[in-house]
């Protein structure tokens, strides 16, 4: 996977969403909040370097825990789902349509000169595989993906992070299943 971040920006609202999840721990998570000092809280639709976002996520994962950053992914899922609905990208939600909309959302809410984000290498009636091609925190994506699939109304949504760049795989891949 290409891990370069040069010229990659994302909406500052994502930074704010993550930090909002840790507002009650602001003293403990001070270094994560310090990384966002230059981000204007009043402008969630402005652009900032993805390095700020990645740095905050990494700090939280390393210092608070992987399960905690996974839970923050649920909050990010809410922002993405709202954006998908506001922009009329989904009328009758299904897990596959939601993941296709996630690909679209990544291309709109993240500016990357290399066009990275998400791919869907395979899908069927009750599962699909999502491949992360952007540098966002891989543990957070577990929460993001399950949150988005749950918003389609299906039962038994689950995510298996079966390939991971941290374990030496070329890409992180997530098997998303539902009943």
N, C-alpha and C. Protein backbone atom coordinates (compact mmCIF):
# COMPACT_ATOMS: atom_id res chain seq x y z
N UNK A 1 0.84 -1.18 0.00
CA UNK A 1 0.00 0.00 0.00
C UNK A 1 0.88 1.24 0.00
N UNK A 2 0.47 2.22 -0.72
CA UNK A 2 1.16 3.50 -0.76
C UNK A 2 0.76 4.30 0.47
N UNK A 3 1.69 4.50 1.40
CA UNK A 3 1.40 5.21 2.65
C UNK A 3 1.73 6.70 2.60
N UNK A 4 2.02 7.23 1.43
CA UNK A 4 2.34 8.65 1.35
C UNK A 4 1.10 9.49 1.68
N UNK A 5 1.34 10.63 2.30
CA UNK A 5 0.24 11.53 2.66
C UNK A 5 0.41 12.92 2.05
N UNK A 6 1.42 13.10 1.24
CA UNK A 6 1.67 14.41 0.65
C UNK A 6 0.47 14.86 -0.19
N UNK A 7 -0.04 16.04 0.14
CA UNK A 7 -1.15 16.61 -0.61
C UNK A 7 -2.51 16.02 -0.27
N UNK A 8 -2.58 15.12 0.71
CA UNK A 8 -3.86 14.50 1.08
C UNK A 8 -4.50 15.31 2.20
N UNK A 9 -5.74 15.72 1.99
CA UNK A 9 -6.49 16.48 2.98
C UNK A 9 -7.86 15.84 3.20
N UNK A 10 -8.46 16.17 4.33
CA UNK A 10 -9.82 15.70 4.61
C UNK A 10 -10.57 16.79 5.35
N UNK A 11 -11.88 16.64 5.43
CA UNK A 11 -12.70 17.63 6.13
C UNK A 11 -12.36 17.64 7.61
N UNK A 12 -12.23 18.84 8.17
CA UNK A 12 -11.86 18.97 9.58
C UNK A 12 -12.94 18.41 10.51
N UNK A 13 -14.15 18.26 10.02
CA UNK A 13 -15.21 17.68 10.83
C UNK A 13 -14.85 16.29 11.33
N UNK A 14 -14.06 15.55 10.57
CA UNK A 14 -13.64 14.23 11.01
C UNK A 14 -12.72 14.32 12.23
N UNK A 15 -11.84 15.30 12.23
CA UNK A 15 -10.96 15.52 13.38
C UNK A 15 -11.81 15.87 14.60
N UNK A 16 -12.79 16.74 14.39
CA UNK A 16 -13.66 17.15 15.48
C UNK A 16 -14.49 15.98 16.02
N UNK A 17 -14.96 15.12 15.12
CA UNK A 17 -15.75 13.97 15.55
C UNK A 17 -14.94 13.03 16.44
N UNK A 18 -13.70 12.80 16.07
CA UNK A 18 -12.85 11.92 16.88
C UNK A 18 -12.63 12.55 18.25
N UNK A 19 -12.23 13.81 18.27
CA UNK A 19 -11.94 14.47 19.54
C UNK A 19 -13.18 14.58 20.42
N UNK A 20 -14.35 14.73 19.82
CA UNK A 20 -15.59 14.80 20.61
C UNK A 20 -15.80 13.51 21.40
N UNK A 21 -15.35 12.40 20.85
CA UNK A 21 -15.48 11.11 21.55
C UNK A 21 -14.60 11.06 22.81
N UNK A 22 -13.60 11.92 22.88
CA UNK A 22 -12.64 11.91 23.99
C UNK A 22 -12.68 13.20 24.81
N UNK A 23 -13.69 14.02 24.60
CA UNK A 23 -13.81 15.30 25.32
C UNK A 23 -13.81 15.06 26.83
N UNK A 24 -14.46 14.00 27.27
CA UNK A 24 -14.53 13.68 28.70
C UNK A 24 -13.17 13.24 29.25
N UNK A 25 -12.22 12.98 28.36
CA UNK A 25 -10.87 12.56 28.77
C UNK A 25 -9.82 13.56 28.30
N UNK A 26 -10.22 14.81 28.15
CA UNK A 26 -9.34 15.81 27.55
C UNK A 26 -8.00 15.93 28.27
N UNK A 27 -7.99 15.82 29.58
CA UNK A 27 -6.71 15.93 30.30
C UNK A 27 -5.81 14.74 29.97
N UNK A 28 -6.38 13.56 29.95
CA UNK A 28 -5.61 12.34 29.65
C UNK A 28 -5.15 12.34 28.20
N UNK A 29 -6.02 12.79 27.32
CA UNK A 29 -5.75 12.75 25.87
C UNK A 29 -5.20 14.08 25.36
N UNK A 30 -4.62 14.88 26.25
CA UNK A 30 -4.09 16.18 25.87
C UNK A 30 -3.22 16.17 24.63
N UNK A 31 -2.28 15.23 24.49
CA UNK A 31 -1.45 15.23 23.29
C UNK A 31 -2.25 15.06 21.99
N UNK A 32 -3.33 14.31 22.03
CA UNK A 32 -4.17 14.15 20.84
C UNK A 32 -4.86 15.48 20.51
N UNK A 33 -5.36 16.17 21.53
CA UNK A 33 -5.99 17.47 21.32
C UNK A 33 -4.97 18.49 20.83
N UNK A 34 -3.75 18.41 21.33
CA UNK A 34 -2.69 19.33 20.89
C UNK A 34 -2.42 19.20 19.39
N UNK A 35 -2.54 18.01 18.86
CA UNK A 35 -2.31 17.80 17.42
C UNK A 35 -3.30 18.58 16.56
N UNK A 36 -4.46 18.90 17.13
CA UNK A 36 -5.51 19.59 16.38
C UNK A 36 -5.60 21.07 16.68
N UNK A 37 -4.58 21.64 17.32
CA UNK A 37 -4.65 23.05 17.72
C UNK A 37 -4.90 24.00 16.55
N UNK A 38 -4.41 23.70 15.38
CA UNK A 38 -4.61 24.59 14.24
C UNK A 38 -5.91 24.38 13.49
N UNK A 39 -6.74 23.45 13.94
CA UNK A 39 -8.00 23.14 13.26
C UNK A 39 -9.11 24.00 13.86
N UNK A 40 -9.82 24.73 13.01
CA UNK A 40 -10.90 25.61 13.44
C UNK A 40 -12.17 24.80 13.69
N UNK A 41 -12.58 24.71 14.95
CA UNK A 41 -13.77 23.93 15.31
C UNK A 41 -15.04 24.47 14.67
N UNK A 42 -15.04 25.73 14.33
CA UNK A 42 -16.23 26.36 13.76
C UNK A 42 -16.35 26.13 12.26
N UNK A 43 -15.40 25.44 11.67
CA UNK A 43 -15.41 25.22 10.23
C UNK A 43 -15.22 23.73 9.89
N UNK A 44 -16.23 22.91 10.14
CA UNK A 44 -16.09 21.47 9.90
C UNK A 44 -15.96 21.11 8.42
N UNK A 45 -16.30 22.05 7.54
CA UNK A 45 -16.19 21.78 6.10
C UNK A 45 -14.92 22.33 5.47
N UNK A 46 -14.00 22.79 6.32
CA UNK A 46 -12.68 23.21 5.83
C UNK A 46 -11.81 21.97 5.67
N UNK A 47 -10.66 22.15 5.05
CA UNK A 47 -9.75 21.03 4.78
C UNK A 47 -8.52 21.13 5.67
N UNK A 48 -8.04 19.98 6.13
CA UNK A 48 -6.79 19.92 6.88
C UNK A 48 -6.00 18.70 6.41
N UNK A 49 -4.74 18.68 6.75
CA UNK A 49 -3.88 17.56 6.36
C UNK A 49 -4.36 16.26 7.01
N UNK A 50 -4.35 15.20 6.25
CA UNK A 50 -4.71 13.89 6.81
C UNK A 50 -3.72 13.47 7.88
N UNK A 51 -2.52 14.07 7.87
CA UNK A 51 -1.53 13.75 8.90
C UNK A 51 -2.04 14.11 10.30
N UNK A 52 -2.83 15.18 10.42
CA UNK A 52 -3.40 15.56 11.71
C UNK A 52 -4.34 14.47 12.18
N UNK A 53 -5.24 14.08 11.32
CA UNK A 53 -6.22 13.03 11.62
C UNK A 53 -5.52 11.72 11.97
N UNK A 54 -4.57 11.31 11.13
CA UNK A 54 -3.85 10.06 11.38
C UNK A 54 -3.08 10.11 12.69
N UNK A 55 -2.45 11.24 12.98
CA UNK A 55 -1.69 11.38 14.22
C UNK A 55 -2.58 11.25 15.45
N UNK A 56 -3.75 11.86 15.41
CA UNK A 56 -4.69 11.76 16.52
C UNK A 56 -5.14 10.31 16.71
N UNK A 57 -5.51 9.67 15.62
CA UNK A 57 -5.97 8.27 15.70
C UNK A 57 -4.87 7.35 16.23
N UNK A 58 -3.66 7.55 15.77
CA UNK A 58 -2.54 6.71 16.22
C UNK A 58 -2.28 6.94 17.70
N UNK A 59 -2.30 8.20 18.13
CA UNK A 59 -2.06 8.49 19.55
C UNK A 59 -3.12 7.79 20.41
N UNK A 60 -4.38 7.91 20.00
CA UNK A 60 -5.46 7.29 20.77
C UNK A 60 -5.32 5.77 20.78
N UNK A 61 -5.05 5.18 19.63
CA UNK A 61 -4.89 3.72 19.58
C UNK A 61 -3.74 3.27 20.48
N UNK A 62 -2.61 3.97 20.42
CA UNK A 62 -1.43 3.59 21.20
C UNK A 62 -1.59 3.84 22.70
N UNK A 63 -2.33 4.88 23.07
CA UNK A 63 -2.39 5.30 24.47
C UNK A 63 -3.71 5.00 25.18
N UNK A 64 -4.78 4.87 24.44
CA UNK A 64 -6.08 4.57 25.04
C UNK A 64 -6.50 3.14 24.70
N UNK A 65 -6.19 2.70 23.48
CA UNK A 65 -6.47 1.32 23.12
C UNK A 65 -7.17 1.16 21.78
N UNK A 66 -6.95 0.01 21.17
CA UNK A 66 -7.52 -0.29 19.86
C UNK A 66 -9.05 -0.33 19.91
N UNK A 67 -9.62 -0.88 20.97
CA UNK A 67 -11.08 -0.94 21.07
C UNK A 67 -11.67 0.46 21.17
N UNK A 68 -10.96 1.36 21.79
CA UNK A 68 -11.44 2.73 21.92
C UNK A 68 -11.48 3.43 20.56
N UNK A 69 -10.43 3.27 19.78
CA UNK A 69 -10.41 3.93 18.46
C UNK A 69 -11.43 3.25 17.54
N UNK A 70 -11.67 1.97 17.74
CA UNK A 70 -12.71 1.28 16.97
C UNK A 70 -14.06 1.92 17.26
N UNK A 71 -14.33 2.21 18.53
CA UNK A 71 -15.59 2.84 18.91
C UNK A 71 -15.70 4.24 18.31
N UNK A 72 -14.60 4.96 18.22
CA UNK A 72 -14.63 6.28 17.58
C UNK A 72 -15.02 6.14 16.11
N UNK A 73 -14.70 5.01 15.51
CA UNK A 73 -15.10 4.75 14.12
C UNK A 73 -16.61 4.77 13.94
N UNK A 74 -17.33 4.40 14.99
CA UNK A 74 -18.79 4.45 14.94
C UNK A 74 -19.26 5.90 14.75
N UNK A 75 -18.62 6.85 15.45
CA UNK A 75 -18.96 8.27 15.30
C UNK A 75 -18.66 8.76 13.89
N UNK A 76 -17.54 8.33 13.35
CA UNK A 76 -17.19 8.70 11.97
C UNK A 76 -18.23 8.11 11.02
N UNK A 77 -18.68 6.89 11.29
CA UNK A 77 -19.72 6.27 10.47
C UNK A 77 -20.98 7.10 10.44
N UNK A 78 -21.32 7.71 11.57
CA UNK A 78 -22.51 8.57 11.63
C UNK A 78 -22.35 9.76 10.69
N UNK A 79 -21.19 10.43 10.72
CA UNK A 79 -20.95 11.59 9.85
C UNK A 79 -21.04 11.18 8.38
N UNK A 80 -20.43 10.07 8.05
CA UNK A 80 -20.43 9.62 6.66
C UNK A 80 -21.84 9.26 6.22
N UNK A 81 -22.58 8.53 7.06
CA UNK A 81 -23.95 8.14 6.71
C UNK A 81 -24.82 9.38 6.50
N UNK A 82 -24.69 10.37 7.37
CA UNK A 82 -25.46 11.60 7.21
C UNK A 82 -25.11 12.30 5.91
N UNK A 83 -23.83 12.34 5.57
CA UNK A 83 -23.40 12.97 4.33
C UNK A 83 -23.96 12.22 3.12
N UNK A 84 -23.96 10.92 3.18
CA UNK A 84 -24.49 10.11 2.08
C UNK A 84 -25.97 10.40 1.89
N UNK A 85 -26.71 10.47 2.98
CA UNK A 85 -28.15 10.71 2.91
C UNK A 85 -28.43 12.13 2.43
N UNK A 86 -27.73 13.13 2.97
CA UNK A 86 -27.93 14.53 2.57
C UNK A 86 -27.66 14.72 1.08
N UNK A 87 -26.68 14.03 0.56
CA UNK A 87 -26.33 14.17 -0.85
C UNK A 87 -27.14 13.25 -1.76
N UNK A 88 -28.13 12.58 -1.20
CA UNK A 88 -29.03 11.76 -1.99
C UNK A 88 -28.39 10.56 -2.66
N UNK A 89 -27.35 10.04 -2.07
CA UNK A 89 -26.65 8.90 -2.67
C UNK A 89 -27.32 7.57 -2.35
N UNK A 90 -28.38 7.60 -1.52
CA UNK A 90 -29.01 6.34 -1.17
C UNK A 90 -30.48 6.57 -0.85
N UNK A 91 -31.34 5.84 -1.54
CA UNK A 91 -32.76 5.91 -1.24
C UNK A 91 -33.22 4.66 -0.51
N UNK A 92 -32.82 3.49 -0.97
CA UNK A 92 -33.14 2.23 -0.29
C UNK A 92 -31.83 1.59 0.14
N UNK A 93 -31.44 1.78 1.41
CA UNK A 93 -30.12 1.31 1.83
C UNK A 93 -30.01 -0.21 1.90
N UNK A 94 -28.92 -0.71 1.37
CA UNK A 94 -28.51 -2.10 1.53
C UNK A 94 -27.03 -2.04 1.91
N UNK A 95 -26.50 -3.10 2.51
CA UNK A 95 -25.08 -3.06 2.85
C UNK A 95 -24.17 -2.79 1.64
N UNK A 96 -24.46 -3.41 0.51
CA UNK A 96 -23.61 -3.21 -0.66
C UNK A 96 -23.72 -1.77 -1.16
N UNK A 97 -24.94 -1.24 -1.22
CA UNK A 97 -25.11 0.16 -1.64
C UNK A 97 -24.40 1.11 -0.67
N UNK A 98 -24.47 0.79 0.63
CA UNK A 98 -23.82 1.64 1.63
C UNK A 98 -22.30 1.63 1.43
N UNK A 99 -21.72 0.49 1.14
CA UNK A 99 -20.27 0.42 0.94
C UNK A 99 -19.87 1.10 -0.37
N UNK A 100 -20.72 1.02 -1.39
CA UNK A 100 -20.46 1.78 -2.62
C UNK A 100 -20.52 3.27 -2.33
N UNK A 101 -21.46 3.66 -1.49
CA UNK A 101 -21.57 5.07 -1.10
C UNK A 101 -20.37 5.50 -0.26
N UNK A 102 -19.83 4.58 0.55
CA UNK A 102 -18.61 4.89 1.31
C UNK A 102 -17.46 5.19 0.36
N UNK A 103 -17.33 4.41 -0.70
CA UNK A 103 -16.29 4.70 -1.71
C UNK A 103 -16.48 6.11 -2.26
N UNK A 104 -17.73 6.47 -2.59
CA UNK A 104 -18.02 7.80 -3.10
C UNK A 104 -17.66 8.86 -2.04
N UNK A 105 -18.10 8.62 -0.80
CA UNK A 105 -17.86 9.59 0.27
C UNK A 105 -16.37 9.83 0.47
N UNK A 106 -15.58 8.76 0.44
CA UNK A 106 -14.13 8.92 0.60
C UNK A 106 -13.56 9.78 -0.52
N UNK A 107 -14.10 9.65 -1.72
CA UNK A 107 -13.58 10.44 -2.84
C UNK A 107 -13.98 11.90 -2.75
N UNK A 108 -15.07 12.20 -2.01
CA UNK A 108 -15.56 13.57 -1.88
C UNK A 108 -15.02 14.24 -0.61
N UNK A 109 -14.94 13.49 0.49
CA UNK A 109 -14.56 14.07 1.77
C UNK A 109 -13.07 13.97 2.05
N UNK A 110 -12.36 13.32 1.17
CA UNK A 110 -10.90 13.24 1.24
C UNK A 110 -10.36 13.64 -0.12
N UNK A 111 -9.44 14.56 -0.12
CA UNK A 111 -8.79 14.96 -1.37
C UNK A 111 -7.42 14.30 -1.43
N UNK A 112 -7.26 13.42 -2.40
CA UNK A 112 -6.01 12.69 -2.55
C UNK A 112 -5.62 12.73 -4.02
N UNK A 113 -4.46 13.32 -4.33
CA UNK A 113 -4.05 13.38 -5.74
C UNK A 113 -3.93 12.00 -6.38
N UNK A 114 -3.80 10.95 -5.56
CA UNK A 114 -3.67 9.59 -6.09
C UNK A 114 -5.00 8.83 -6.11
N UNK A 115 -6.06 9.47 -5.64
CA UNK A 115 -7.39 8.88 -5.70
C UNK A 115 -7.62 7.66 -4.81
N UNK A 116 -6.88 7.56 -3.72
CA UNK A 116 -7.03 6.40 -2.84
C UNK A 116 -8.24 6.55 -1.91
N UNK A 117 -8.70 5.43 -1.41
CA UNK A 117 -9.83 5.42 -0.48
C UNK A 117 -10.23 4.00 -0.17
N UNK A 118 -11.24 3.50 -0.88
CA UNK A 118 -11.77 2.15 -0.67
C UNK A 118 -11.98 1.44 -2.00
N UNK A 119 -11.87 0.12 -1.95
CA UNK A 119 -12.22 -0.75 -3.08
C UNK A 119 -13.10 -1.86 -2.55
N UNK A 120 -13.93 -2.42 -3.43
CA UNK A 120 -14.75 -3.58 -3.09
C UNK A 120 -14.34 -4.72 -4.02
N UNK A 121 -13.39 -5.57 -3.58
CA UNK A 121 -12.92 -6.64 -4.46
C UNK A 121 -13.95 -7.75 -4.71
N UNK A 122 -14.87 -7.97 -3.75
CA UNK A 122 -15.88 -9.02 -3.96
C UNK A 122 -17.10 -8.74 -3.09
N UNK A 123 -18.25 -9.26 -3.54
CA UNK A 123 -19.48 -9.12 -2.76
C UNK A 123 -20.48 -10.20 -3.18
N UNK A 124 -21.40 -10.52 -2.25
CA UNK A 124 -22.53 -11.40 -2.56
C UNK A 124 -23.70 -10.95 -1.69
N UNK A 125 -24.74 -11.77 -1.59
CA UNK A 125 -25.97 -11.35 -0.90
C UNK A 125 -25.82 -11.12 0.60
N UNK A 126 -24.80 -11.71 1.23
CA UNK A 126 -24.67 -11.59 2.68
C UNK A 126 -23.27 -11.22 3.15
N UNK A 127 -22.41 -10.83 2.23
CA UNK A 127 -21.06 -10.41 2.64
C UNK A 127 -20.39 -9.63 1.52
N UNK A 128 -19.35 -8.93 1.91
CA UNK A 128 -18.50 -8.26 0.94
C UNK A 128 -17.14 -8.06 1.56
N UNK A 129 -16.18 -7.75 0.71
CA UNK A 129 -14.82 -7.46 1.17
C UNK A 129 -14.54 -6.00 0.84
N UNK A 130 -14.09 -5.26 1.86
CA UNK A 130 -13.67 -3.87 1.67
C UNK A 130 -12.16 -3.81 1.81
N UNK A 131 -11.51 -3.15 0.85
CA UNK A 131 -10.05 -2.98 0.88
C UNK A 131 -9.75 -1.50 1.12
N UNK A 132 -8.98 -1.24 2.17
CA UNK A 132 -8.58 0.13 2.51
C UNK A 132 -7.33 0.48 1.72
N UNK A 133 -7.41 1.52 0.89
CA UNK A 133 -6.25 1.95 0.10
C UNK A 133 -5.75 3.32 0.52
N UNK A 134 -6.38 3.92 1.53
CA UNK A 134 -5.98 5.22 2.07
C UNK A 134 -5.32 4.98 3.42
N UNK A 135 -4.66 5.99 3.96
CA UNK A 135 -3.86 5.82 5.17
C UNK A 135 -4.65 5.92 6.47
N UNK A 136 -5.98 6.04 6.42
CA UNK A 136 -6.69 6.19 7.69
C UNK A 136 -6.49 4.98 8.60
N UNK A 137 -6.62 5.23 9.90
CA UNK A 137 -6.35 4.23 10.93
C UNK A 137 -7.12 2.94 10.67
N UNK A 138 -6.40 1.84 10.59
CA UNK A 138 -7.04 0.57 10.20
C UNK A 138 -7.96 0.02 11.29
N UNK A 139 -7.66 0.26 12.55
CA UNK A 139 -8.53 -0.25 13.62
C UNK A 139 -9.85 0.52 13.68
N UNK A 140 -9.79 1.80 13.39
CA UNK A 140 -11.01 2.61 13.40
C UNK A 140 -12.00 2.11 12.36
N UNK A 141 -11.49 1.57 11.26
CA UNK A 141 -12.37 1.16 10.17
C UNK A 141 -13.30 0.02 10.57
N UNK A 142 -12.89 -0.81 11.53
CA UNK A 142 -13.79 -1.86 12.03
C UNK A 142 -15.11 -1.24 12.51
N UNK A 143 -15.00 -0.21 13.35
CA UNK A 143 -16.19 0.46 13.87
C UNK A 143 -16.96 1.20 12.80
N UNK A 144 -16.24 1.85 11.91
CA UNK A 144 -16.86 2.59 10.82
C UNK A 144 -17.71 1.66 9.96
N UNK A 145 -17.12 0.55 9.52
CA UNK A 145 -17.81 -0.35 8.60
C UNK A 145 -19.04 -0.99 9.25
N UNK A 146 -18.90 -1.47 10.47
CA UNK A 146 -20.06 -2.10 11.12
C UNK A 146 -21.16 -1.06 11.37
N UNK A 147 -20.78 0.17 11.71
CA UNK A 147 -21.74 1.24 11.93
C UNK A 147 -22.54 1.52 10.65
N UNK A 148 -21.85 1.60 9.53
CA UNK A 148 -22.53 1.89 8.27
C UNK A 148 -23.47 0.76 7.87
N UNK A 149 -23.02 -0.49 8.02
CA UNK A 149 -23.88 -1.62 7.64
C UNK A 149 -25.10 -1.69 8.56
N UNK A 150 -24.92 -1.45 9.85
CA UNK A 150 -26.06 -1.46 10.78
C UNK A 150 -27.10 -0.42 10.40
N UNK A 151 -26.67 0.71 9.83
CA UNK A 151 -27.60 1.78 9.44
C UNK A 151 -28.48 1.39 8.26
N UNK A 152 -28.20 0.25 7.63
CA UNK A 152 -29.04 -0.21 6.52
C UNK A 152 -30.21 -1.04 7.01
N UNK A 153 -30.23 -1.36 8.31
CA UNK A 153 -31.34 -2.10 8.89
C UNK A 153 -31.19 -3.61 8.89
N UNK A 154 -30.07 -4.13 8.43
CA UNK A 154 -29.87 -5.58 8.45
C UNK A 154 -29.53 -6.04 9.86
N UNK A 155 -29.71 -7.31 10.11
CA UNK A 155 -29.39 -7.92 11.40
C UNK A 155 -28.02 -8.58 11.33
N UNK A 156 -27.38 -8.71 12.48
CA UNK A 156 -26.16 -9.49 12.59
C UNK A 156 -24.95 -8.95 11.86
N UNK A 157 -24.86 -7.63 11.71
CA UNK A 157 -23.70 -7.05 11.02
C UNK A 157 -22.42 -7.35 11.80
N UNK A 158 -21.38 -7.74 11.08
CA UNK A 158 -20.10 -8.06 11.70
C UNK A 158 -18.97 -7.72 10.73
N UNK A 159 -17.81 -7.42 11.29
CA UNK A 159 -16.63 -7.11 10.48
C UNK A 159 -15.47 -7.95 10.97
N UNK A 160 -14.80 -8.61 10.04
CA UNK A 160 -13.58 -9.36 10.33
C UNK A 160 -12.43 -8.67 9.59
N UNK A 161 -11.48 -8.18 10.33
CA UNK A 161 -10.30 -7.51 9.78
C UNK A 161 -9.26 -8.60 9.52
N UNK A 162 -9.38 -9.27 8.37
CA UNK A 162 -8.61 -10.49 8.16
C UNK A 162 -7.26 -10.27 7.46
N UNK A 163 -7.05 -9.13 6.85
CA UNK A 163 -5.73 -8.78 6.32
C UNK A 163 -5.39 -7.41 6.88
N UNK A 164 -4.12 -7.22 7.25
CA UNK A 164 -3.75 -5.96 7.89
C UNK A 164 -2.32 -5.58 7.52
N UNK A 165 -2.13 -4.33 7.18
CA UNK A 165 -0.80 -3.83 6.86
C UNK A 165 0.13 -3.94 8.06
N UNK A 166 -0.43 -3.88 9.28
CA UNK A 166 0.39 -4.01 10.49
C UNK A 166 0.94 -5.42 10.66
N UNK A 167 0.31 -6.38 9.98
CA UNK A 167 0.79 -7.77 10.03
C UNK A 167 1.56 -8.14 8.76
N UNK A 168 1.85 -7.14 7.94
CA UNK A 168 2.66 -7.38 6.75
C UNK A 168 1.89 -7.55 5.45
N UNK A 169 0.56 -7.49 5.50
CA UNK A 169 -0.22 -7.59 4.27
C UNK A 169 -0.11 -6.28 3.48
N UNK A 170 -0.30 -6.37 2.17
CA UNK A 170 -0.19 -5.19 1.32
C UNK A 170 -1.28 -4.16 1.63
N UNK A 171 -2.49 -4.63 1.91
CA UNK A 171 -3.63 -3.77 2.22
C UNK A 171 -4.35 -4.33 3.43
N UNK A 172 -5.11 -3.48 4.10
CA UNK A 172 -6.06 -3.97 5.10
C UNK A 172 -7.32 -4.37 4.34
N UNK A 173 -7.84 -5.54 4.65
CA UNK A 173 -9.09 -5.99 4.06
C UNK A 173 -10.02 -6.43 5.18
N UNK A 174 -11.29 -6.11 4.99
CA UNK A 174 -12.31 -6.36 6.00
C UNK A 174 -13.43 -7.17 5.35
N UNK A 175 -13.75 -8.30 5.94
CA UNK A 175 -14.89 -9.10 5.49
C UNK A 175 -16.09 -8.63 6.30
N UNK A 176 -17.06 -8.06 5.61
CA UNK A 176 -18.26 -7.53 6.23
C UNK A 176 -19.39 -8.52 5.96
N UNK A 177 -20.06 -8.98 7.02
CA UNK A 177 -21.14 -9.95 6.86
C UNK A 177 -22.40 -9.46 7.57
N UNK A 178 -23.53 -10.01 7.16
CA UNK A 178 -24.82 -9.71 7.77
C UNK A 178 -25.76 -10.87 7.47
N UNK A 179 -26.86 -10.93 8.19
CA UNK A 179 -27.83 -12.02 8.00
C UNK A 179 -28.82 -11.69 6.91
